[in-house]
Amino acid sequence: MVSQPRALTKPPAINVYRFFPLIRAVQAALLTGLIACCAARPALAMVKMDSKAIDAALVYGMKNQKAGLVDVLGPNWIEGENGSLLNVYSPFMMLATKASRSGLSRKPSKSDLEKARKRFARDVAYYSDSKNRFQVKFAVSFYGNNPTFAKTYMAKIVGFGRGKEFELRTVKQLLDQEADQISGGQDGYNYEAINSYYFNYSDLEDLQEFKLILESPNGPPLEFRMKNDRLY
């Protein structure tokens, strides 16, 4: 199985990103252009991992080696309420984030792309095999009022697409057993945790719009709203 990138910790205070919406729009447009040149996107879903999409992910990652993770993830970085953050690691982003730490050329030529394919041969082989059941990782950074708050949060996805309603359950989850104590947390919550929830890519393909919902008997629910065709 391909190793998964680690979840993102919370960025600096939001006022650092004064022009964040405009920057993100430009980044999304550039990323869309890159993928349009290299791989066709399905009508509703995240990027499908054919050979061209693999090349596009490697090139995109190499070009963004000096960028922070928020910039690499682009539209797959989603801000929620109460300081929570969601990072969506689709198969495309799984490979792109690895390439963004490769140390290869930031202006990749065909030979650089071949080097990247060799460097990440195991990952390329995995994503090139259509028989594999690819998973999408939803990594959530959020706050609570005790060190074990996060381990009670379960996740589901509800949404619609192709004229149907869906409710999806996780195929795997990694729950933070002991959250980190912090100072000045959101709404007096002084513990921060990162949970990761995994869903099958094939189950998400048919969705148009959906919500990731985190629920716990011991804390408030969290919701993140997404449109599938804006994710990569």
C-alpha atoms as a PDB file:
ATOM      1  CA  MET A   1       0.000   0.000   0.000  1.00  0.00           C
ATOM      2  CA  VAL A   2       1.232   3.479  -0.788  1.00  0.00           C
ATOM      3  CA  SER A   3       2.196   5.473   2.290  1.00  0.00           C
ATOM      4  CA  GLN A   4      -0.025   8.439   3.079  1.00  0.00           C
ATOM      5  CA  PRO A   5       1.119  12.053   3.598  1.00  0.00           C
ATOM      6  CA  ARG A   6       0.812  13.417   7.104  1.00  0.00           C
ATOM      7  CA  ALA A   7      -2.045  15.744   7.904  1.00  0.00           C
ATOM      8  CA  LEU A   8      -1.437  19.452   7.962  1.00  0.00           C
ATOM      9  CA  THR A   9      -1.190  21.413  11.190  1.00  0.00           C
ATOM     10  CA  LYS A  10      -2.931  24.735  11.548  1.00  0.00           C
ATOM     11  CA  PRO A  11      -1.360  27.632   9.608  1.00  0.00           C
ATOM     12  CA  PRO A  12      -0.450  31.021  11.102  1.00  0.00           C
ATOM     13  CA  ALA A  13      -3.247  33.397  12.025  1.00  0.00           C
ATOM     14  CA  ILE A  14      -5.655  33.964   9.165  1.00  0.00           C
ATOM     15  CA  ASN A  15      -4.709  37.651   8.779  1.00  0.00           C
ATOM     16  CA  VAL A  16      -1.497  36.446   7.177  1.00  0.00           C
ATOM     17  CA  TYR A  17      -3.649  35.520   4.176  1.00  0.00           C
ATOM     18  CA  ARG A  18      -5.162  38.947   3.552  1.00  0.00           C
ATOM     19  CA  PHE A  19      -5.529  38.251  -0.156  1.00  0.00           C
ATOM     20  CA  PHE A  20      -6.062  34.513   0.329  1.00  0.00           C
ATOM     21  CA  PRO A  21      -9.269  34.125  -1.782  1.00  0.00           C
ATOM     22  CA  LEU A  22      -7.664  35.779  -4.827  1.00  0.00           C
ATOM     23  CA  ILE A  23      -4.429  33.802  -4.441  1.00  0.00           C
ATOM     24  CA  ARG A  24      -6.345  30.555  -4.094  1.00  0.00           C
ATOM     25  CA  ALA A  25      -8.435  31.335  -7.183  1.00  0.00           C
ATOM     26  CA  VAL A  26      -5.279  31.930  -9.230  1.00  0.00           C
ATOM     27  CA  GLN A  27      -3.708  28.727  -7.906  1.00  0.00           C
ATOM     28  CA  ALA A  28      -6.805  26.722  -8.737  1.00  0.00           C
ATOM     29  CA  ALA A  29      -6.881  28.144 -12.258  1.00  0.00           C
ATOM     30  CA  LEU A  30      -3.213  27.268 -12.817  1.00  0.00           C
ATOM     31  CA  LEU A  31      -3.717  23.772 -11.480  1.00  0.00           C
ATOM     32  CA  THR A  32      -6.784  23.311 -13.666  1.00  0.00           C
ATOM     33  CA  GLY A  33      -4.787  24.398 -16.695  1.00  0.00           C
ATOM     34  CA  LEU A  34      -1.961  21.976 -15.922  1.00  0.00           C
ATOM     35  CA  ILE A  35      -4.282  19.023 -15.539  1.00  0.00           C
ATOM     36  CA  ALA A  36      -6.290  19.986 -18.613  1.00  0.00           C
ATOM     37  CA  CYS A  37      -3.084  19.737 -20.623  1.00  0.00           C
ATOM     38  CA  CYS A  38      -2.132  16.368 -19.168  1.00  0.00           C
ATOM     39  CA  ALA A  39      -5.257  14.476 -18.155  1.00  0.00           C
ATOM     40  CA  ALA A  40      -8.985  14.539 -18.680  1.00  0.00           C
ATOM     41  CA  ARG A  41     -11.172  15.005 -15.624  1.00  0.00           C
ATOM     42  CA  PRO A  42     -14.454  13.117 -15.169  1.00  0.00           C
ATOM     43  CA  ALA A  43     -17.577  15.222 -15.069  1.00  0.00           C
ATOM     44  CA  LEU A  44     -18.062  15.168 -11.312  1.00  0.00           C
ATOM     45  CA  ALA A  45     -15.174  13.499  -9.553  1.00  0.00           C
ATOM     46  CA  MET A  46     -11.615  14.163  -8.553  1.00  0.00           C
ATOM     47  CA  VAL A  47      -8.830  13.501 -11.041  1.00  0.00           C
ATOM     48  CA  LYS A  48      -8.770   9.944 -12.316  1.00  0.00           C
ATOM     49  CA  MET A  49      -5.324   8.370 -12.080  1.00  0.00           C
ATOM     50  CA  ASP A  50      -4.438   7.400 -15.621  1.00  0.00           C
ATOM     51  CA  SER A  51      -0.887   7.726 -17.018  1.00  0.00           C
ATOM     52  CA  LYS A  52      -1.354  11.377 -17.985  1.00  0.00           C
ATOM     53  CA  ALA A  53      -2.704  12.267 -14.556  1.00  0.00           C
ATOM     54  CA  ILE A  54       0.297  10.593 -12.920  1.00  0.00           C
ATOM     55  CA  ASP A  55       2.633  12.745 -15.032  1.00  0.00           C
ATOM     56  CA  ALA A  56       0.572  15.837 -14.209  1.00  0.00           C
ATOM     57  CA  ALA A  57       0.781  15.104 -10.463  1.00  0.00           C
ATOM     58  CA  LEU A  58       4.558  14.641 -10.607  1.00  0.00           C
ATOM     59  CA  VAL A  59       5.068  17.814 -12.652  1.00  0.00           C
ATOM     60  CA  TYR A  60       2.754  19.828 -10.421  1.00  0.00           C
ATOM     61  CA  GLY A  61       4.580  18.637  -7.307  1.00  0.00           C
ATOM     62  CA  MET A  62       8.029  19.357  -8.719  1.00  0.00           C
ATOM     63  CA  LYS A  63       7.001  22.871  -9.776  1.00  0.00           C
ATOM     64  CA  ASN A  64       5.766  23.608  -6.244  1.00  0.00           C
ATOM     65  CA  GLN A  65       8.736  22.407  -4.215  1.00  0.00           C
ATOM     66  CA  LYS A  66       9.302  25.816  -2.634  1.00  0.00           C
ATOM     67  CA  ALA A  67       5.632  26.301  -1.832  1.00  0.00           C
ATOM     68  CA  GLY A  68       4.009  25.599   1.509  1.00  0.00           C
ATOM     69  CA  LEU A  69       1.583  22.725   1.825  1.00  0.00           C
ATOM     70  CA  VAL A  70      -1.400  25.079   1.774  1.00  0.00           C
ATOM     71  CA  ASP A  71      -0.289  26.225  -1.678  1.00  0.00           C
ATOM     72  CA  VAL A  72       0.404  22.699  -2.942  1.00  0.00           C
ATOM     73  CA  LEU A  73      -3.004  21.465  -1.840  1.00  0.00           C
ATOM     74  CA  GLY A  74      -4.792  24.482  -3.315  1.00  0.00           C
ATOM     75  CA  PRO A  75      -8.560  23.793  -3.384  1.00  0.00           C
ATOM     76  CA  ASN A  76      -7.988  20.593  -1.389  1.00  0.00           C
ATOM     77  CA  TRP A  77      -7.239  22.767   1.672  1.00  0.00           C
ATOM     78  CA  ILE A  78     -10.607  23.641   3.222  1.00  0.00           C
ATOM     79  CA  GLU A  79     -11.255  25.822   6.248  1.00  0.00           C
ATOM     80  CA  GLY A  80     -14.126  24.921   8.553  1.00  0.00           C
ATOM     81  CA  GLU A  81     -15.740  26.543  11.554  1.00  0.00           C
ATOM     82  CA  ASN A  82     -14.053  27.185  14.919  1.00  0.00           C
ATOM     83  CA  GLY A  83     -10.566  27.042  13.466  1.00  0.00           C
ATOM     84  CA  SER A  84     -10.895  23.543  12.031  1.00  0.00           C
ATOM     85  CA  LEU A  85      -9.087  22.564   8.841  1.00  0.00           C
ATOM     86  CA  LEU A  86      -9.628  19.803   6.314  1.00  0.00           C
ATOM     87  CA  ASN A  87      -6.972  18.518   3.929  1.00  0.00           C
ATOM     88  CA  VAL A  88      -8.231  16.244   1.144  1.00  0.00           C
ATOM     89  CA  TYR A  89      -5.548  13.867  -0.113  1.00  0.00           C
ATOM     90  CA  SER A  90      -6.922  12.434  -3.340  1.00  0.00           C
ATOM     91  CA  PRO A  91      -4.695  10.005  -5.271  1.00  0.00           C
ATOM     92  CA  PHE A  92      -3.534  12.964  -7.387  1.00  0.00           C
ATOM     93  CA  MET A  93      -2.553  14.946  -4.288  1.00  0.00           C
ATOM     94  CA  MET A  94      -0.955  11.920  -2.643  1.00  0.00           C
ATOM     95  CA  LEU A  95       1.523  11.756  -5.503  1.00  0.00           C
ATOM     96  CA  ALA A  96       1.865  15.517  -5.962  1.00  0.00           C
ATOM     97  CA  THR A  97       2.789  16.119  -2.316  1.00  0.00           C
ATOM     98  CA  LYS A  98       5.498  13.459  -2.550  1.00  0.00           C
ATOM     99  CA  ALA A  99       6.921  15.082  -5.681  1.00  0.00           C
ATOM    100  CA  SER A 100       6.871  18.461  -3.925  1.00  0.00           C
ATOM    101  CA  ARG A 101       9.513  17.066  -1.536  1.00  0.00           C
ATOM    102  CA  SER A 102      11.603  15.292  -4.182  1.00  0.00           C
ATOM    103  CA  GLY A 103      14.480  17.744  -4.550  1.00  0.00           C
ATOM    104  CA  LEU A 104      14.280  17.381  -8.348  1.00  0.00           C
ATOM    105  CA  SER A 105      14.147  20.221 -10.873  1.00  0.00           C
ATOM    106  CA  ARG A 106      11.498  22.889 -10.337  1.00  0.00           C
ATOM    107  CA  LYS A 107      11.354  23.345 -14.111  1.00  0.00           C
ATOM    108  CA  PRO A 108      10.881  19.709 -15.084  1.00  0.00           C
ATOM    109  CA  SER A 109      11.820  18.522 -18.553  1.00  0.00           C
ATOM    110  CA  LYS A 110      10.921  15.131 -19.998  1.00  0.00           C
ATOM    111  CA  SER A 111      14.100  13.675 -18.516  1.00  0.00           C
ATOM    112  CA  ASP A 112      13.231  15.154 -15.106  1.00  0.00           C
ATOM    113  CA  LEU A 113       9.807  13.568 -15.337  1.00  0.00           C
ATOM    114  CA  GLU A 114      11.445  10.215 -16.049  1.00  0.00           C
ATOM    115  CA  LYS A 115      13.648  10.700 -12.985  1.00  0.00           C
ATOM    116  CA  ALA A 116      10.547  11.378 -10.917  1.00  0.00           C
ATOM    117  CA  ARG A 117       8.820   8.284 -12.277  1.00  0.00           C
ATOM    118  CA  LYS A 118      11.857   6.212 -11.246  1.00  0.00           C
ATOM    119  CA  ARG A 119      12.121   7.908  -7.860  1.00  0.00           C
ATOM    120  CA  PHE A 120       8.484   7.130  -7.120  1.00  0.00           C
ATOM    121  CA  ALA A 121       8.305   3.886  -9.084  1.00  0.00           C
ATOM    122  CA  ARG A 122       6.362   2.077  -6.359  1.00  0.00           C
ATOM    123  CA  ASP A 123       3.725   4.801  -6.211  1.00  0.00           C
ATOM    124  CA  VAL A 124       3.521   5.072 -10.004  1.00  0.00           C
ATOM    125  CA  ALA A 125       3.017   1.323 -10.266  1.00  0.00           C
ATOM    126  CA  TYR A 126       0.295   1.431  -7.626  1.00  0.00           C
ATOM    127  CA  TYR A 127      -1.640   4.280  -9.231  1.00  0.00           C
ATOM    128  CA  SER A 128      -1.183   2.832 -12.708  1.00  0.00           C
ATOM    129  CA  ASP A 129      -2.983  -0.359 -11.715  1.00  0.00           C
ATOM    130  CA  SER A 130      -6.704   0.190 -12.225  1.00  0.00           C
ATOM    131  CA  LYS A 131      -7.444  -2.903 -10.122  1.00  0.00           C
ATOM    132  CA  ASN A 132      -6.327  -1.128  -6.954  1.00  0.00           C
ATOM    133  CA  ARG A 133      -9.042   0.350  -4.786  1.00  0.00           C
ATOM    134  CA  PHE A 134      -7.692   3.864  -4.317  1.00  0.00           C
ATOM    135  CA  GLN A 135      -8.601   5.714  -1.177  1.00  0.00           C
ATOM    136  CA  VAL A 136      -9.063   9.399  -0.424  1.00  0.00           C
ATOM    137  CA  LYS A 137      -7.741  10.654   2.883  1.00  0.00           C
ATOM    138  CA  PHE A 138      -9.646  13.389   4.749  1.00  0.00           C
ATOM    139  CA  ALA A 139      -7.307  14.781   7.404  1.00  0.00           C
ATOM    140  CA  VAL A 140      -9.018  17.040   9.956  1.00  0.00           C
ATOM    141  CA  SER A 141      -7.268  19.356  12.398  1.00  0.00           C
ATOM    142  CA  PHE A 142      -9.645  20.550  15.137  1.00  0.00           C
ATOM    143  CA  TYR A 143      -9.971  21.561  18.784  1.00  0.00           C
ATOM    144  CA  GLY A 144     -11.418  20.135  21.988  1.00  0.00           C
ATOM    145  CA  ASN A 145     -11.411  20.598  25.744  1.00  0.00           C
ATOM    146  CA  ASN A 146      -9.629  17.436  26.898  1.00  0.00           C
ATOM    147  CA  PRO A 147      -6.709  15.328  25.609  1.00  0.00           C
ATOM    148  CA  THR A 148      -8.863  12.392  24.495  1.00  0.00           C
ATOM    149  CA  PHE A 149     -11.679  14.319  22.791  1.00  0.00           C
ATOM    150  CA  ALA A 150     -10.735  13.359  19.232  1.00  0.00           C
ATOM    151  CA  LYS A 151     -10.898   9.585  19.570  1.00  0.00           C
ATOM    152  CA  THR A 152     -14.683   9.634  19.926  1.00  0.00           C
ATOM    153  CA  TYR A 153     -15.264  11.405  16.587  1.00  0.00           C
ATOM    154  CA  MET A 154     -16.601   9.200  13.802  1.00  0.00           C
ATOM    155  CA  ALA A 155     -17.032  10.398  10.215  1.00  0.00           C
ATOM    156  CA  LYS A 156     -19.436   9.903   7.349  1.00  0.00           C
ATOM    157  CA  ILE A 157     -20.053  11.528   3.990  1.00  0.00           C
ATOM    158  CA  VAL A 158     -23.517  12.501   2.813  1.00  0.00           C
ATOM    159  CA  GLY A 159     -24.201  13.972  -0.600  1.00  0.00           C
ATOM    160  CA  PHE A 160     -25.857  13.621  -3.960  1.00  0.00           C
ATOM    161  CA  GLY A 161     -24.930  13.086  -7.561  1.00  0.00           C
ATOM    162  CA  ARG A 162     -26.270  11.513 -10.741  1.00  0.00           C
ATOM    163  CA  GLY A 163     -29.809  11.866  -9.388  1.00  0.00           C
ATOM    164  CA  LYS A 164     -29.150   9.880  -6.200  1.00  0.00           C
ATOM    165  CA  GLU A 165     -28.458  10.554  -2.534  1.00  0.00           C
ATOM    166  CA  PHE A 166     -25.519   8.854  -0.848  1.00  0.00           C
ATOM    167  CA  GLU A 167     -24.318   8.154   2.666  1.00  0.00           C
ATOM    168  CA  LEU A 168     -20.800   6.736   2.856  1.00  0.00           C
ATOM    169  CA  ARG A 169     -18.897   5.254   5.782  1.00  0.00           C
ATOM    170  CA  THR A 170     -15.158   5.187   6.281  1.00  0.00           C
ATOM    171  CA  VAL A 171     -13.093   2.208   5.171  1.00  0.00           C
ATOM    172  CA  LYS A 172     -10.313   3.167   7.592  1.00  0.00           C
ATOM    173  CA  GLN A 173      -9.682   5.794  10.233  1.00  0.00           C
ATOM    174  CA  LEU A 174      -6.740   6.997  12.320  1.00  0.00           C
ATOM    175  CA  LEU A 175      -7.921   8.748  15.480  1.00  0.00           C
ATOM    176  CA  ASP A 176      -5.689  10.950  17.611  1.00  0.00           C
ATOM    177  CA  GLN A 177      -5.603   9.159  20.962  1.00  0.00           C
ATOM    178  CA  GLU A 178      -4.066  12.070  22.850  1.00  0.00           C
ATOM    179  CA  ALA A 179      -4.389  15.611  21.561  1.00  0.00           C
ATOM    180  CA  ASP A 180      -1.673  18.244  21.891  1.00  0.00           C
ATOM    181  CA  GLN A 181      -2.161  20.873  24.551  1.00  0.00           C
ATOM    182  CA  ILE A 182      -1.985  24.417  23.214  1.00  0.00           C
ATOM    183  CA  SER A 183      -2.524  27.935  24.525  1.00  0.00           C
ATOM    184  CA  GLY A 184      -5.150  30.303  23.209  1.00  0.00           C
ATOM    185  CA  GLY A 185      -7.246  27.689  21.452  1.00  0.00           C
ATOM    186  CA  GLN A 186     -10.540  28.374  19.728  1.00  0.00           C
ATOM    187  CA  ASP A 187     -13.434  29.190  22.112  1.00  0.00           C
ATOM    188  CA  GLY A 188     -11.404  28.154  25.133  1.00  0.00           C
ATOM    189  CA  TYR A 189     -10.565  24.726  23.708  1.00  0.00           C
ATOM    190  CA  ASN A 190      -6.945  24.086  24.628  1.00  0.00           C
ATOM    191  CA  TYR A 191      -6.293  20.793  22.831  1.00  0.00           C
ATOM    192  CA  GLU A 192      -5.633  20.296  19.136  1.00  0.00           C
ATOM    193  CA  ALA A 193      -5.897  16.923  17.386  1.00  0.00           C
ATOM    194  CA  ILE A 194      -5.581  15.524  13.884  1.00  0.00           C
ATOM    195  CA  ASN A 195      -7.829  12.665  12.764  1.00  0.00           C
ATOM    196  CA  SER A 196      -7.661  10.958   9.381  1.00  0.00           C
ATOM    197  CA  TYR A 197     -10.628   9.310   7.688  1.00  0.00           C
ATOM    198  CA  TYR A 198     -10.381   7.233   4.506  1.00  0.00           C
ATOM    199  CA  PHE A 199     -13.064   6.630   1.873  1.00  0.00           C
ATOM    200  CA  ASN A 200     -12.863   4.613  -1.328  1.00  0.00           C
ATOM    201  CA  TYR A 201     -12.304   6.769  -4.392  1.00  0.00           C
ATOM    202  CA  SER A 202     -14.756   4.639  -6.354  1.00  0.00           C
ATOM    203  CA  ASP A 203     -17.486   5.443  -3.813  1.00  0.00           C
ATOM    204  CA  LEU A 204     -16.840   9.175  -4.166  1.00  0.00           C
ATOM    205  CA  GLU A 205     -16.836   9.210  -7.970  1.00  0.00           C
ATOM    206  CA  ASP A 206     -20.598   9.554  -8.295  1.00  0.00           C
ATOM    207  CA  LEU A 207     -20.937  12.492  -5.906  1.00  0.00           C
ATOM    208  CA  GLN A 208     -21.477  16.029  -7.104  1.00  0.00           C
ATOM    209  CA  GLU A 209     -21.775  17.878  -3.804  1.00  0.00           C
ATOM    210  CA  PHE A 210     -21.205  16.378  -0.386  1.00  0.00           C
ATOM    211  CA  LYS A 211     -20.481  17.014   3.278  1.00  0.00           C
ATOM    212  CA  LEU A 212     -17.905  15.353   5.498  1.00  0.00           C
ATOM    213  CA  ILE A 213     -19.581  15.124   8.909  1.00  0.00           C
ATOM    214  CA  LEU A 214     -17.736  14.374  12.149  1.00  0.00           C
ATOM    215  CA  GLU A 215     -19.897  13.364  15.101  1.00  0.00           C
ATOM    216  CA  SER A 216     -19.158  12.533  18.723  1.00  0.00           C
ATOM    217  CA  PRO A 217     -21.340  11.848  21.769  1.00  0.00           C
ATOM    218  CA  ASN A 218     -18.993  14.083  23.768  1.00  0.00           C
ATOM    219  CA  GLY A 219     -18.624  17.162  21.585  1.00  0.00           C
ATOM    220  CA  PRO A 220     -20.156  19.375  18.899  1.00  0.00           C
ATOM    221  CA  PRO A 221     -20.381  18.065  15.314  1.00  0.00           C
ATOM    222  CA  LEU A 222     -18.183  19.370  12.510  1.00  0.00           C
ATOM    223  CA  GLU A 223     -19.175  19.724   8.857  1.00  0.00           C
ATOM    224  CA  PHE A 224     -17.172  20.485   5.734  1.00  0.00           C
ATOM    225  CA  ARG A 225     -19.031  21.168   2.479  1.00  0.00           C
ATOM    226  CA  MET A 226     -17.417  20.328  -0.860  1.00  0.00           C
ATOM    227  CA  LYS A 227     -18.098  20.205  -4.565  1.00  0.00           C
ATOM    228  CA  ASN A 228     -16.384  17.245  -6.144  1.00  0.00           C
ATOM    229  CA  ASP A 229     -15.390  18.973  -9.362  1.00  0.00           C
ATOM    230  CA  ARG A 230     -13.375  21.544  -7.400  1.00  0.00           C
ATOM    231  CA  LEU A 231     -11.171  18.897  -5.795  1.00  0.00           C
ATOM    232  CA  TYR A 232      -8.111  17.273  -7.346  1.00  0.00           C
END
